[in-house]
Amino acid sequence: MFSGIVAAIGRIEHIEPLADGIRLTVDTDGLDLSDVIVGDSIAHSGVCLTVIEMDGPRLKYDVSRETLNCTVGLDAVGNEVNLEKALRLADRLGGHLVTGHVDGVGEVLKFEPLGESHELVIRAPAAIAGYIAKKGSITVNGVSLTVNHVEGRDFSINLIPHTVAMTNLKHLAAGSRVNLEIDLIARYVERMLAWRGEDAAQG
């Protein structure tokens, strides 16, 4: 479990093809690894990966083909990735509860300065658009953000300068693709409502 508060920006240094996926080497320079061991989970632009090897600030991960097929940003050397270590029970929850399981890939429609901040407009896949609500939480490339406005599949976010400076969102432009994870609470609300309907139909 994560909070969507990015701790550092890493860079993909090497990609080794595997039979059904890839092995990533990521330079995590700037991320505190003093409490990280092999087997720990670290989110990379919203994707939860398990550490399989450590060499100083360089960490290795195996990424399945299934994960690569439903996410973006993990398949090219040089790509920057937003890094966050898994939460501990005593940690502050600065963002919102994030699982590190991407629900879909969105398309950036607009990323432009708006006063001192930036306006980010994203088109969500139809399958998850209904889970996105005004003033609700959304995770974009692993960053916990608040939705300002929703219209159909499109939603807008206001990014403060600190968020832009400290994450890889600074590189976005119209046409960029981003990893999206919906609010965990929305999943349970939908399931509860669906079950009430199923239960009523059966009863």
N, C-alpha and C. Protein backbone atom coordinates (compact mmCIF):
# COMPACT_ATOMS: atom_id res chain seq x y z
N MET A 1 0.85 -1.19 0.00
CA MET A 1 0.00 0.00 0.00
C MET A 1 0.89 1.24 0.00
N PHE A 2 0.43 2.29 -0.71
CA PHE A 2 1.18 3.53 -0.84
C PHE A 2 0.26 4.70 -0.55
N SER A 3 0.84 5.92 -0.58
CA SER A 3 0.04 7.11 -0.31
C SER A 3 -0.01 8.06 -1.50
N GLY A 4 0.81 7.82 -2.53
CA GLY A 4 0.83 8.71 -3.67
C GLY A 4 1.67 9.95 -3.46
N ILE A 5 2.52 9.93 -2.44
CA ILE A 5 3.46 11.03 -2.18
C ILE A 5 4.83 10.60 -2.67
N VAL A 6 5.28 11.16 -3.78
CA VAL A 6 6.53 10.75 -4.41
C VAL A 6 7.72 11.18 -3.56
N ALA A 7 8.66 10.24 -3.34
CA ALA A 7 9.83 10.52 -2.50
C ALA A 7 11.05 10.89 -3.32
N ALA A 8 11.13 10.42 -4.56
CA ALA A 8 12.29 10.70 -5.41
C ALA A 8 11.94 10.34 -6.85
N ILE A 9 12.78 10.80 -7.76
CA ILE A 9 12.63 10.44 -9.17
C ILE A 9 13.79 9.54 -9.55
N GLY A 10 13.48 8.36 -10.07
CA GLY A 10 14.51 7.43 -10.54
C GLY A 10 14.60 7.45 -12.05
N ARG A 11 15.57 6.69 -12.56
CA ARG A 11 15.75 6.62 -14.01
C ARG A 11 16.05 5.18 -14.41
N ILE A 12 15.36 4.70 -15.44
CA ILE A 12 15.60 3.35 -15.93
C ILE A 12 16.96 3.31 -16.64
N GLU A 13 17.86 2.47 -16.13
CA GLU A 13 19.22 2.39 -16.67
C GLU A 13 19.41 1.24 -17.66
N HIS A 14 18.72 0.15 -17.43
CA HIS A 14 18.94 -1.03 -18.27
C HIS A 14 17.68 -1.87 -18.33
N ILE A 15 17.43 -2.47 -19.48
CA ILE A 15 16.29 -3.38 -19.66
C ILE A 15 16.79 -4.68 -20.26
N GLU A 16 16.52 -5.78 -19.57
CA GLU A 16 16.92 -7.10 -20.05
C GLU A 16 15.67 -7.90 -20.41
N PRO A 17 15.55 -8.34 -21.65
CA PRO A 17 14.36 -9.12 -22.04
C PRO A 17 14.33 -10.45 -21.29
N LEU A 18 13.14 -10.86 -20.89
CA LEU A 18 12.91 -12.16 -20.28
C LEU A 18 11.94 -12.94 -21.16
N ALA A 19 11.70 -14.17 -20.81
CA ALA A 19 10.81 -15.01 -21.61
C ALA A 19 9.41 -14.40 -21.70
N ASP A 20 8.94 -13.82 -20.62
CA ASP A 20 7.59 -13.24 -20.61
C ASP A 20 7.59 -11.93 -19.84
N GLY A 21 8.42 -10.98 -20.29
CA GLY A 21 8.52 -9.71 -19.62
C GLY A 21 9.91 -9.13 -19.74
N ILE A 22 10.29 -8.32 -18.76
CA ILE A 22 11.61 -7.69 -18.76
C ILE A 22 12.16 -7.62 -17.35
N ARG A 23 13.47 -7.43 -17.24
CA ARG A 23 14.11 -7.14 -15.96
C ARG A 23 14.63 -5.70 -16.03
N LEU A 24 14.16 -4.89 -15.12
CA LEU A 24 14.54 -3.48 -15.08
C LEU A 24 15.65 -3.23 -14.09
N THR A 25 16.59 -2.36 -14.45
CA THR A 25 17.54 -1.80 -13.50
C THR A 25 17.23 -0.32 -13.39
N VAL A 26 16.94 0.14 -12.19
CA VAL A 26 16.54 1.52 -11.96
C VAL A 26 17.53 2.19 -11.02
N ASP A 27 18.04 3.34 -11.43
CA ASP A 27 18.89 4.16 -10.56
C ASP A 27 17.95 4.97 -9.67
N THR A 28 17.94 4.69 -8.38
CA THR A 28 17.03 5.33 -7.44
C THR A 28 17.71 6.44 -6.67
N ASP A 29 18.78 7.00 -7.21
CA ASP A 29 19.55 8.03 -6.52
C ASP A 29 18.62 9.10 -5.95
N GLY A 30 18.75 9.35 -4.65
CA GLY A 30 17.88 10.31 -3.98
C GLY A 30 16.84 9.66 -3.10
N LEU A 31 16.59 8.36 -3.32
CA LEU A 31 15.63 7.63 -2.48
C LEU A 31 16.38 6.98 -1.32
N ASP A 32 15.89 7.16 -0.12
CA ASP A 32 16.50 6.56 1.07
C ASP A 32 16.26 5.06 1.05
N LEU A 33 17.34 4.29 0.88
CA LEU A 33 17.23 2.84 0.82
C LEU A 33 17.71 2.16 2.11
N SER A 34 17.90 2.93 3.16
CA SER A 34 18.45 2.38 4.40
C SER A 34 17.57 1.31 5.02
N ASP A 35 16.26 1.36 4.73
CA ASP A 35 15.34 0.37 5.30
C ASP A 35 14.73 -0.52 4.23
N VAL A 36 15.36 -0.56 3.05
CA VAL A 36 14.84 -1.38 1.94
C VAL A 36 15.66 -2.66 1.81
N ILE A 37 14.99 -3.78 1.64
CA ILE A 37 15.65 -5.07 1.45
C ILE A 37 15.03 -5.77 0.24
N VAL A 38 15.72 -6.81 -0.25
CA VAL A 38 15.17 -7.61 -1.34
C VAL A 38 13.82 -8.18 -0.90
N GLY A 39 12.84 -8.06 -1.79
CA GLY A 39 11.49 -8.50 -1.47
C GLY A 39 10.54 -7.37 -1.15
N ASP A 40 11.09 -6.17 -0.90
CA ASP A 40 10.24 -5.02 -0.60
C ASP A 40 9.55 -4.50 -1.86
N SER A 41 8.46 -3.78 -1.64
CA SER A 41 7.71 -3.19 -2.75
C SER A 41 8.01 -1.70 -2.87
N ILE A 42 8.21 -1.26 -4.11
CA ILE A 42 8.42 0.16 -4.40
C ILE A 42 7.57 0.51 -5.61
N ALA A 43 6.84 1.61 -5.53
CA ALA A 43 6.01 2.05 -6.65
C ALA A 43 6.85 2.85 -7.64
N HIS A 44 6.68 2.51 -8.92
CA HIS A 44 7.38 3.21 -10.01
C HIS A 44 6.32 3.82 -10.92
N SER A 45 6.13 5.13 -10.78
CA SER A 45 5.09 5.83 -11.55
C SER A 45 3.74 5.14 -11.41
N GLY A 46 3.46 4.71 -10.18
CA GLY A 46 2.18 4.12 -9.87
C GLY A 46 2.11 2.62 -9.99
N VAL A 47 3.21 1.98 -10.42
CA VAL A 47 3.23 0.52 -10.59
C VAL A 47 4.03 -0.11 -9.46
N CYS A 48 3.40 -0.97 -8.69
CA CYS A 48 4.07 -1.65 -7.58
C CYS A 48 4.99 -2.74 -8.12
N LEU A 49 6.30 -2.64 -7.81
CA LEU A 49 7.28 -3.63 -8.23
C LEU A 49 8.02 -4.17 -7.01
N THR A 50 8.49 -5.41 -7.12
CA THR A 50 9.20 -6.06 -6.02
C THR A 50 10.70 -6.08 -6.28
N VAL A 51 11.48 -5.61 -5.32
CA VAL A 51 12.94 -5.58 -5.45
C VAL A 51 13.47 -7.01 -5.47
N ILE A 52 14.25 -7.36 -6.50
CA ILE A 52 14.84 -8.70 -6.56
C ILE A 52 16.36 -8.66 -6.38
N GLU A 53 16.96 -7.47 -6.51
CA GLU A 53 18.41 -7.36 -6.35
C GLU A 53 18.77 -5.91 -6.06
N MET A 54 19.80 -5.70 -5.22
CA MET A 54 20.23 -4.35 -4.86
C MET A 54 21.73 -4.21 -5.10
N ASP A 55 22.11 -3.07 -5.69
CA ASP A 55 23.51 -2.75 -5.91
C ASP A 55 23.66 -1.25 -5.69
N GLY A 56 23.89 -0.87 -4.43
CA GLY A 56 23.92 0.55 -4.10
C GLY A 56 22.56 1.16 -4.39
N PRO A 57 22.55 2.29 -5.12
CA PRO A 57 21.26 2.92 -5.44
C PRO A 57 20.53 2.25 -6.60
N ARG A 58 21.15 1.24 -7.21
CA ARG A 58 20.54 0.56 -8.35
C ARG A 58 19.76 -0.66 -7.88
N LEU A 59 18.49 -0.69 -8.24
CA LEU A 59 17.61 -1.78 -7.86
C LEU A 59 17.11 -2.49 -9.12
N LYS A 60 16.90 -3.81 -9.00
CA LYS A 60 16.41 -4.59 -10.12
C LYS A 60 15.03 -5.15 -9.81
N TYR A 61 14.21 -5.24 -10.86
CA TYR A 61 12.84 -5.74 -10.75
C TYR A 61 12.50 -6.57 -11.98
N ASP A 62 11.71 -7.61 -11.79
CA ASP A 62 11.13 -8.34 -12.91
C ASP A 62 9.73 -7.81 -13.15
N VAL A 63 9.45 -7.48 -14.41
CA VAL A 63 8.13 -6.93 -14.79
C VAL A 63 7.49 -7.87 -15.80
N SER A 64 6.30 -8.33 -15.50
CA SER A 64 5.63 -9.29 -16.38
C SER A 64 5.10 -8.60 -17.64
N ARG A 65 4.88 -9.40 -18.67
CA ARG A 65 4.30 -8.88 -19.91
C ARG A 65 2.92 -8.31 -19.67
N GLU A 66 2.15 -8.93 -18.77
CA GLU A 66 0.81 -8.44 -18.46
C GLU A 66 0.88 -7.03 -17.89
N THR A 67 1.85 -6.78 -16.98
CA THR A 67 2.00 -5.44 -16.41
C THR A 67 2.39 -4.44 -17.48
N LEU A 68 3.31 -4.83 -18.36
CA LEU A 68 3.73 -3.93 -19.43
C LEU A 68 2.58 -3.59 -20.37
N ASN A 69 1.68 -4.54 -20.57
CA ASN A 69 0.57 -4.33 -21.50
C ASN A 69 -0.46 -3.34 -20.97
N CYS A 70 -0.53 -3.15 -19.65
CA CYS A 70 -1.58 -2.29 -19.10
C CYS A 70 -1.03 -1.05 -18.40
N THR A 71 0.26 -0.75 -18.61
CA THR A 71 0.87 0.45 -18.02
C THR A 71 1.74 1.14 -19.06
N VAL A 72 2.26 2.32 -18.70
CA VAL A 72 3.20 3.03 -19.57
C VAL A 72 4.39 3.49 -18.73
N GLY A 73 5.53 3.70 -19.42
CA GLY A 73 6.68 4.32 -18.79
C GLY A 73 7.75 3.39 -18.27
N LEU A 74 7.53 2.06 -18.37
CA LEU A 74 8.51 1.11 -17.82
C LEU A 74 9.34 0.41 -18.88
N ASP A 75 9.15 0.77 -20.13
CA ASP A 75 9.74 -0.02 -21.21
C ASP A 75 10.81 0.69 -22.04
N ALA A 76 11.39 1.77 -21.50
CA ALA A 76 12.41 2.50 -22.27
C ALA A 76 13.53 2.98 -21.36
N VAL A 77 14.77 2.69 -21.76
CA VAL A 77 15.94 3.19 -21.01
C VAL A 77 15.94 4.71 -21.04
N GLY A 78 16.22 5.31 -19.88
CA GLY A 78 16.24 6.76 -19.78
C GLY A 78 14.97 7.36 -19.22
N ASN A 79 13.88 6.59 -19.22
CA ASN A 79 12.63 7.10 -18.68
C ASN A 79 12.76 7.43 -17.19
N GLU A 80 12.21 8.57 -16.80
CA GLU A 80 12.14 8.90 -15.38
C GLU A 80 10.90 8.25 -14.77
N VAL A 81 11.04 7.79 -13.53
CA VAL A 81 9.92 7.16 -12.83
C VAL A 81 9.77 7.76 -11.44
N ASN A 82 8.54 8.02 -11.04
CA ASN A 82 8.26 8.51 -9.69
C ASN A 82 8.36 7.35 -8.71
N LEU A 83 9.14 7.54 -7.64
CA LEU A 83 9.40 6.47 -6.69
C LEU A 83 8.74 6.73 -5.34
N GLU A 84 8.16 5.67 -4.79
CA GLU A 84 7.62 5.73 -3.43
C GLU A 84 7.75 4.36 -2.78
N LYS A 85 8.31 4.32 -1.59
CA LYS A 85 8.39 3.07 -0.83
C LYS A 85 7.02 2.76 -0.24
N ALA A 86 6.78 1.47 0.03
CA ALA A 86 5.52 1.05 0.63
C ALA A 86 5.34 1.69 2.00
N LEU A 87 4.10 1.97 2.34
CA LEU A 87 3.78 2.59 3.63
C LEU A 87 4.06 1.65 4.80
N ARG A 88 4.44 2.25 5.91
CA ARG A 88 4.45 1.55 7.19
C ARG A 88 3.22 1.99 7.97
N LEU A 89 2.78 1.21 8.92
CA LEU A 89 1.56 1.54 9.66
C LEU A 89 1.67 2.86 10.41
N ALA A 90 2.89 3.26 10.77
CA ALA A 90 3.07 4.49 11.53
C ALA A 90 3.26 5.71 10.65
N ASP A 91 3.29 5.55 9.33
CA ASP A 91 3.53 6.68 8.44
C ASP A 91 2.32 7.60 8.34
N ARG A 92 2.60 8.89 8.05
CA ARG A 92 1.53 9.83 7.75
C ARG A 92 0.94 9.50 6.38
N LEU A 93 -0.37 9.61 6.26
CA LEU A 93 -1.03 9.39 4.99
C LEU A 93 -1.24 10.75 4.33
N GLY A 94 -0.18 11.23 3.67
CA GLY A 94 -0.22 12.57 3.11
C GLY A 94 -1.10 12.69 1.89
N GLY A 95 -1.29 11.58 1.16
CA GLY A 95 -2.12 11.63 -0.04
C GLY A 95 -3.42 10.89 0.21
N HIS A 96 -3.57 9.70 -0.40
CA HIS A 96 -4.70 8.83 -0.13
C HIS A 96 -4.23 7.39 -0.31
N LEU A 97 -5.06 6.42 0.04
CA LEU A 97 -4.65 5.03 -0.04
C LEU A 97 -4.52 4.60 -1.50
N VAL A 98 -3.32 4.15 -1.86
CA VAL A 98 -2.99 3.77 -3.23
C VAL A 98 -2.46 2.34 -3.21
N THR A 99 -2.93 1.49 -4.12
CA THR A 99 -2.53 0.09 -4.11
C THR A 99 -1.30 -0.19 -4.97
N GLY A 100 -1.04 0.67 -5.96
CA GLY A 100 0.06 0.39 -6.88
C GLY A 100 -0.35 -0.52 -8.02
N HIS A 101 -1.66 -0.70 -8.21
CA HIS A 101 -2.19 -1.50 -9.32
C HIS A 101 -2.91 -0.56 -10.28
N VAL A 102 -2.35 -0.35 -11.44
CA VAL A 102 -2.88 0.61 -12.41
C VAL A 102 -4.21 0.10 -12.98
N ASP A 103 -5.21 0.99 -13.00
CA ASP A 103 -6.53 0.63 -13.52
C ASP A 103 -6.69 0.91 -15.00
N GLY A 104 -5.89 1.81 -15.51
CA GLY A 104 -5.99 2.15 -16.92
C GLY A 104 -4.98 3.21 -17.29
N VAL A 105 -4.82 3.41 -18.59
CA VAL A 105 -3.89 4.42 -19.11
C VAL A 105 -4.70 5.56 -19.71
N GLY A 106 -4.44 6.77 -19.23
CA GLY A 106 -5.14 7.95 -19.74
C GLY A 106 -4.30 8.72 -20.73
N GLU A 107 -4.95 9.61 -21.46
CA GLU A 107 -4.27 10.46 -22.44
C GLU A 107 -4.34 11.91 -22.01
N VAL A 108 -3.19 12.58 -21.98
CA VAL A 108 -3.14 13.99 -21.62
C VAL A 108 -3.70 14.81 -22.78
N LEU A 109 -4.70 15.64 -22.48
CA LEU A 109 -5.27 16.54 -23.48
C LEU A 109 -4.66 17.92 -23.39
N LYS A 110 -4.23 18.29 -22.19
CA LYS A 110 -3.71 19.64 -21.97
C LYS A 110 -2.80 19.66 -20.76
N PHE A 111 -1.67 20.33 -20.88
CA PHE A 111 -0.79 20.56 -19.73
C PHE A 111 -0.14 21.93 -19.94
N GLU A 112 -0.70 22.92 -19.26
CA GLU A 112 -0.28 24.29 -19.51
C GLU A 112 -0.20 25.07 -18.21
N PRO A 113 0.69 26.10 -18.17
CA PRO A 113 0.77 26.96 -17.00
C PRO A 113 -0.56 27.67 -16.77
N LEU A 114 -0.92 27.83 -15.51
CA LEU A 114 -2.13 28.54 -15.12
C LEU A 114 -1.77 29.36 -13.89
N GLY A 115 -1.36 30.60 -14.12
CA GLY A 115 -0.82 31.40 -13.02
C GLY A 115 0.49 30.79 -12.57
N GLU A 116 0.63 30.54 -11.29
CA GLU A 116 1.84 29.91 -10.76
C GLU A 116 1.78 28.39 -10.86
N SER A 117 0.62 27.86 -11.15
CA SER A 117 0.43 26.41 -11.20
C SER A 117 0.33 25.93 -12.64
N HIS A 118 -0.06 24.66 -12.81
CA HIS A 118 -0.30 24.08 -14.12
C HIS A 118 -1.67 23.41 -14.13
N GLU A 119 -2.35 23.52 -15.26
CA GLU A 119 -3.60 22.80 -15.44
C GLU A 119 -3.33 21.54 -16.25
N LEU A 120 -3.75 20.41 -15.70
CA LEU A 120 -3.58 19.12 -16.36
C LEU A 120 -4.96 18.55 -16.67
N VAL A 121 -5.23 18.29 -17.95
CA VAL A 121 -6.50 17.71 -18.37
C VAL A 121 -6.21 16.34 -18.99
N ILE A 122 -6.90 15.32 -18.50
CA ILE A 122 -6.67 13.94 -18.93
C ILE A 122 -7.97 13.31 -19.38
N ARG A 123 -7.90 12.50 -20.43
CA ARG A 123 -9.05 11.69 -20.85
C ARG A 123 -8.85 10.27 -20.33
N ALA A 124 -9.76 9.82 -19.51
CA ALA A 124 -9.67 8.49 -18.91
C ALA A 124 -10.30 7.45 -19.83
N PRO A 125 -9.85 6.20 -19.74
CA PRO A 125 -10.53 5.12 -20.47
C PRO A 125 -11.98 5.02 -20.01
N ALA A 126 -12.86 4.65 -20.92
CA ALA A 126 -14.28 4.57 -20.59
C ALA A 126 -14.54 3.64 -19.41
N ALA A 127 -13.75 2.57 -19.29
CA ALA A 127 -13.98 1.56 -18.25
C ALA A 127 -13.81 2.11 -16.84
N ILE A 128 -13.05 3.18 -16.67
CA ILE A 128 -12.82 3.70 -15.31
C ILE A 128 -13.32 5.13 -15.13
N ALA A 129 -13.83 5.76 -16.19
CA ALA A 129 -14.24 7.16 -16.11
C ALA A 129 -15.31 7.39 -15.04
N GLY A 130 -16.19 6.41 -14.87
CA GLY A 130 -17.27 6.56 -13.90
C GLY A 130 -16.83 6.58 -12.45
N TYR A 131 -15.59 6.21 -12.20
CA TYR A 131 -15.07 6.20 -10.83
C TYR A 131 -14.43 7.53 -10.43
N ILE A 132 -14.31 8.44 -11.38
CA ILE A 132 -13.60 9.70 -11.15
C ILE A 132 -14.61 10.79 -10.83
N ALA A 133 -14.45 11.44 -9.68
CA ALA A 133 -15.44 12.41 -9.20
C ALA A 133 -14.78 13.74 -8.83
N LYS A 134 -15.51 14.81 -9.00
CA LYS A 134 -15.03 16.13 -8.60
C LYS A 134 -14.69 16.15 -7.12
N LYS A 135 -13.52 16.69 -6.81
CA LYS A 135 -12.97 16.76 -5.45
C LYS A 135 -12.56 15.40 -4.90
N GLY A 136 -12.64 14.37 -5.73
CA GLY A 136 -12.19 13.04 -5.33
C GLY A 136 -10.70 12.88 -5.60
N SER A 137 -10.15 11.75 -5.21
CA SER A 137 -8.73 11.47 -5.39
C SER A 137 -8.49 10.62 -6.62
N ILE A 138 -7.37 10.86 -7.28
CA ILE A 138 -6.93 10.08 -8.42
C ILE A 138 -5.41 9.99 -8.37
N THR A 139 -4.86 8.87 -8.82
CA THR A 139 -3.42 8.72 -8.87
C THR A 139 -2.97 8.78 -10.32
N VAL A 140 -2.07 9.72 -10.62
CA VAL A 140 -1.54 9.90 -11.97
C VAL A 140 -0.03 9.66 -11.92
N ASN A 141 0.42 8.61 -12.61
CA ASN A 141 1.84 8.23 -12.56
C ASN A 141 2.35 8.11 -11.12
N GLY A 142 1.48 7.59 -10.26
CA GLY A 142 1.87 7.37 -8.87
C GLY A 142 1.73 8.56 -7.96
N VAL A 143 1.21 9.68 -8.48
CA VAL A 143 1.08 10.90 -7.69
C VAL A 143 -0.37 11.07 -7.25
N SER A 144 -0.58 11.21 -5.96
CA SER A 144 -1.92 11.44 -5.43
C SER A 144 -2.36 12.87 -5.72
N LEU A 145 -3.49 13.01 -6.44
CA LEU A 145 -3.96 14.33 -6.84
C LEU A 145 -5.47 14.45 -6.61
N THR A 146 -5.94 15.70 -6.55
CA THR A 146 -7.36 15.97 -6.35
C THR A 146 -7.98 16.44 -7.66
N VAL A 147 -9.09 15.84 -8.03
CA VAL A 147 -9.80 16.19 -9.26
C VAL A 147 -10.55 17.50 -9.06
N ASN A 148 -10.34 18.46 -9.98
CA ASN A 148 -11.03 19.75 -9.90
C ASN A 148 -12.35 19.75 -10.65
N HIS A 149 -12.38 19.08 -11.79
CA HIS A 149 -13.57 19.14 -12.65
C HIS A 149 -13.65 17.86 -13.47
N VAL A 150 -14.86 17.40 -13.72
CA VAL A 150 -15.08 16.21 -14.54
C VAL A 150 -16.16 16.51 -15.57
N GLU A 151 -15.90 16.12 -16.81
CA GLU A 151 -16.90 16.23 -17.86
C GLU A 151 -16.77 15.02 -18.78
N GLY A 152 -17.73 14.11 -18.69
CA GLY A 152 -17.63 12.88 -19.46
C GLY A 152 -16.42 12.07 -19.01
N ARG A 153 -15.55 11.73 -19.96
CA ARG A 153 -14.33 10.97 -19.65
C ARG A 153 -13.17 11.88 -19.30
N ASP A 154 -13.34 13.19 -19.45
CA ASP A 154 -12.24 14.13 -19.23
C ASP A 154 -12.29 14.72 -17.83
N PHE A 155 -11.11 14.84 -17.21
CA PHE A 155 -11.06 15.46 -15.90
C PHE A 155 -9.83 16.37 -15.82
N SER A 156 -9.92 17.39 -14.98
CA SER A 156 -8.83 18.36 -14.86
C SER A 156 -8.30 18.40 -13.44
N ILE A 157 -7.02 18.74 -13.34
CA ILE A 157 -6.31 18.78 -12.07
C ILE A 157 -5.45 20.04 -12.05
N ASN A 158 -5.33 20.67 -10.90
CA ASN A 158 -4.43 21.80 -10.73
C ASN A 158 -3.17 21.32 -10.02
N LEU A 159 -2.02 21.49 -10.66
CA LEU A 159 -0.75 21.05 -10.09
C LEU A 159 0.01 22.24 -9.53
N ILE A 160 0.35 22.18 -8.25
CA ILE A 160 1.14 23.25 -7.66
C ILE A 160 2.60 23.12 -8.10
N PRO A 161 3.38 24.19 -8.04
CA PRO A 161 4.77 24.15 -8.52
C PRO A 161 5.60 23.04 -7.89
N HIS A 162 5.39 22.78 -6.59
CA HIS A 162 6.18 21.75 -5.91
C HIS A 162 5.95 20.38 -6.55
N THR A 163 4.69 20.05 -6.84
CA THR A 163 4.38 18.75 -7.44
C THR A 163 5.02 18.62 -8.81
N VAL A 164 4.97 19.67 -9.60
CA VAL A 164 5.58 19.64 -10.93
C VAL A 164 7.09 19.44 -10.82
N ALA A 165 7.71 20.17 -9.88
CA ALA A 165 9.17 20.12 -9.75
C ALA A 165 9.66 18.78 -9.23
N MET A 166 8.89 18.12 -8.36
CA MET A 166 9.37 16.93 -7.66
C MET A 166 8.92 15.61 -8.29
N THR A 167 8.25 15.66 -9.44
CA THR A 167 7.76 14.43 -10.08
C THR A 167 8.06 14.47 -11.58
N ASN A 168 7.81 13.33 -12.24
CA ASN A 168 8.03 13.32 -13.69
C ASN A 168 6.85 13.90 -14.46
N LEU A 169 5.85 14.43 -13.76
CA LEU A 169 4.73 15.08 -14.44
C LEU A 169 5.18 16.31 -15.21
N LYS A 170 6.33 16.85 -14.86
CA LYS A 170 6.85 18.03 -15.54
C LYS A 170 7.09 17.78 -17.03
N HIS A 171 7.24 16.52 -17.43
CA HIS A 171 7.54 16.19 -18.82
C HIS A 171 6.29 15.95 -19.66
N LEU A 172 5.11 16.07 -19.06
CA LEU A 172 3.89 15.79 -19.79
C LEU A 172 3.60 16.85 -20.86
N ALA A 173 2.87 16.42 -21.88
CA ALA A 173 2.41 17.30 -22.95
C ALA A 173 1.17 16.66 -23.56
N ALA A 174 0.44 17.42 -24.33
CA ALA A 174 -0.73 16.86 -25.00
C ALA A 174 -0.31 15.64 -25.81
N GLY A 175 -1.02 14.54 -25.61
CA GLY A 175 -0.68 13.29 -26.28
C GLY A 175 0.07 12.31 -25.40
N SER A 176 0.64 12.77 -24.28
CA SER A 176 1.32 11.87 -23.35
C SER A 176 0.32 10.88 -22.78
N ARG A 177 0.82 9.70 -22.42
CA ARG A 177 -0.02 8.69 -21.79
C ARG A 177 0.43 8.52 -20.35
N VAL A 178 -0.52 8.34 -19.44
CA VAL A 178 -0.21 8.30 -18.01
C VAL A 178 -0.93 7.13 -17.34
N ASN A 179 -0.29 6.59 -16.30
CA ASN A 179 -0.90 5.52 -15.50
C ASN A 179 -1.92 6.11 -14.53
N LEU A 180 -3.11 5.54 -14.51
CA LEU A 180 -4.17 6.01 -13.63
C LEU A 180 -4.60 4.91 -12.67
N GLU A 181 -4.78 5.29 -11.42
CA GLU A 181 -5.40 4.39 -10.44
C GLU A 181 -6.53 5.13 -9.76
N ILE A 182 -7.71 4.57 -9.80
CA ILE A 182 -8.87 5.19 -9.18
C ILE A 182 -8.82 5.05 -7.66
N ASP A 183 -9.64 5.85 -6.99
CA ASP A 183 -9.71 5.82 -5.54
C ASP A 183 -10.22 4.45 -5.08
N LEU A 184 -9.51 3.87 -4.12
CA LEU A 184 -9.86 2.54 -3.62
C LEU A 184 -11.29 2.48 -3.11
N ILE A 185 -11.75 3.56 -2.49
CA ILE A 185 -13.10 3.57 -1.92
C ILE A 185 -14.15 3.40 -3.01
N ALA A 186 -13.88 3.98 -4.19
CA ALA A 186 -14.85 3.89 -5.29
C ALA A 186 -15.08 2.44 -5.71
N ARG A 187 -14.04 1.63 -5.65
CA ARG A 187 -14.18 0.22 -6.02
C ARG A 187 -15.20 -0.48 -5.12
N TYR A 188 -15.07 -0.23 -3.80
CA TYR A 188 -15.93 -0.90 -2.85
C TYR A 188 -17.37 -0.39 -2.92
N VAL A 189 -17.53 0.91 -3.17
CA VAL A 189 -18.88 1.46 -3.31
C VAL A 189 -19.59 0.80 -4.48
N GLU A 190 -18.89 0.66 -5.61
CA GLU A 190 -19.50 0.03 -6.77
C GLU A 190 -19.88 -1.42 -6.47
N ARG A 191 -18.98 -2.14 -5.82
CA ARG A 191 -19.25 -3.55 -5.52
C ARG A 191 -20.43 -3.70 -4.58
N MET A 192 -20.52 -2.84 -3.58
CA MET A 192 -21.63 -2.92 -2.63
C MET A 192 -22.96 -2.64 -3.33
N LEU A 193 -22.98 -1.63 -4.21
CA LEU A 193 -24.20 -1.32 -4.93
C LEU A 193 -24.59 -2.44 -5.89
N ALA A 194 -23.57 -3.00 -6.56
CA ALA A 194 -23.83 -4.10 -7.48
C ALA A 194 -24.36 -5.32 -6.74
N TRP A 195 -23.80 -5.59 -5.56
CA TRP A 195 -24.24 -6.76 -4.80
C TRP A 195 -25.67 -6.59 -4.29
N ARG A 196 -26.02 -5.37 -3.88
CA ARG A 196 -27.40 -5.13 -3.45
C ARG A 196 -28.38 -5.44 -4.57
N GLY A 197 -27.98 -5.03 -5.80
CA GLY A 197 -28.84 -5.33 -6.94
C GLY A 197 -28.94 -6.80 -7.22
N GLU A 198 -27.81 -7.51 -7.12
CA GLU A 198 -27.80 -8.96 -7.36
C GLU A 198 -28.58 -9.69 -6.28
N ASP A 199 -28.39 -9.23 -5.04
CA ASP A 199 -29.06 -9.88 -3.92
C ASP A 199 -30.57 -9.70 -4.01
N ALA A 200 -30.98 -8.49 -4.41
CA ALA A 200 -32.41 -8.23 -4.53
C ALA A 200 -33.01 -9.07 -5.65
N ALA A 201 -32.26 -9.22 -6.74
CA ALA A 201 -32.75 -10.01 -7.88
C ALA A 201 -32.90 -11.48 -7.51
N GLN A 202 -31.97 -11.97 -6.65
CA GLN A 202 -31.99 -13.39 -6.26
C GLN A 202 -33.03 -13.66 -5.19
N GLY A 203 -33.26 -12.61 -4.36
CA GLY A 203 -34.16 -12.82 -3.23
C GLY A 203 -35.61 -12.72 -3.59
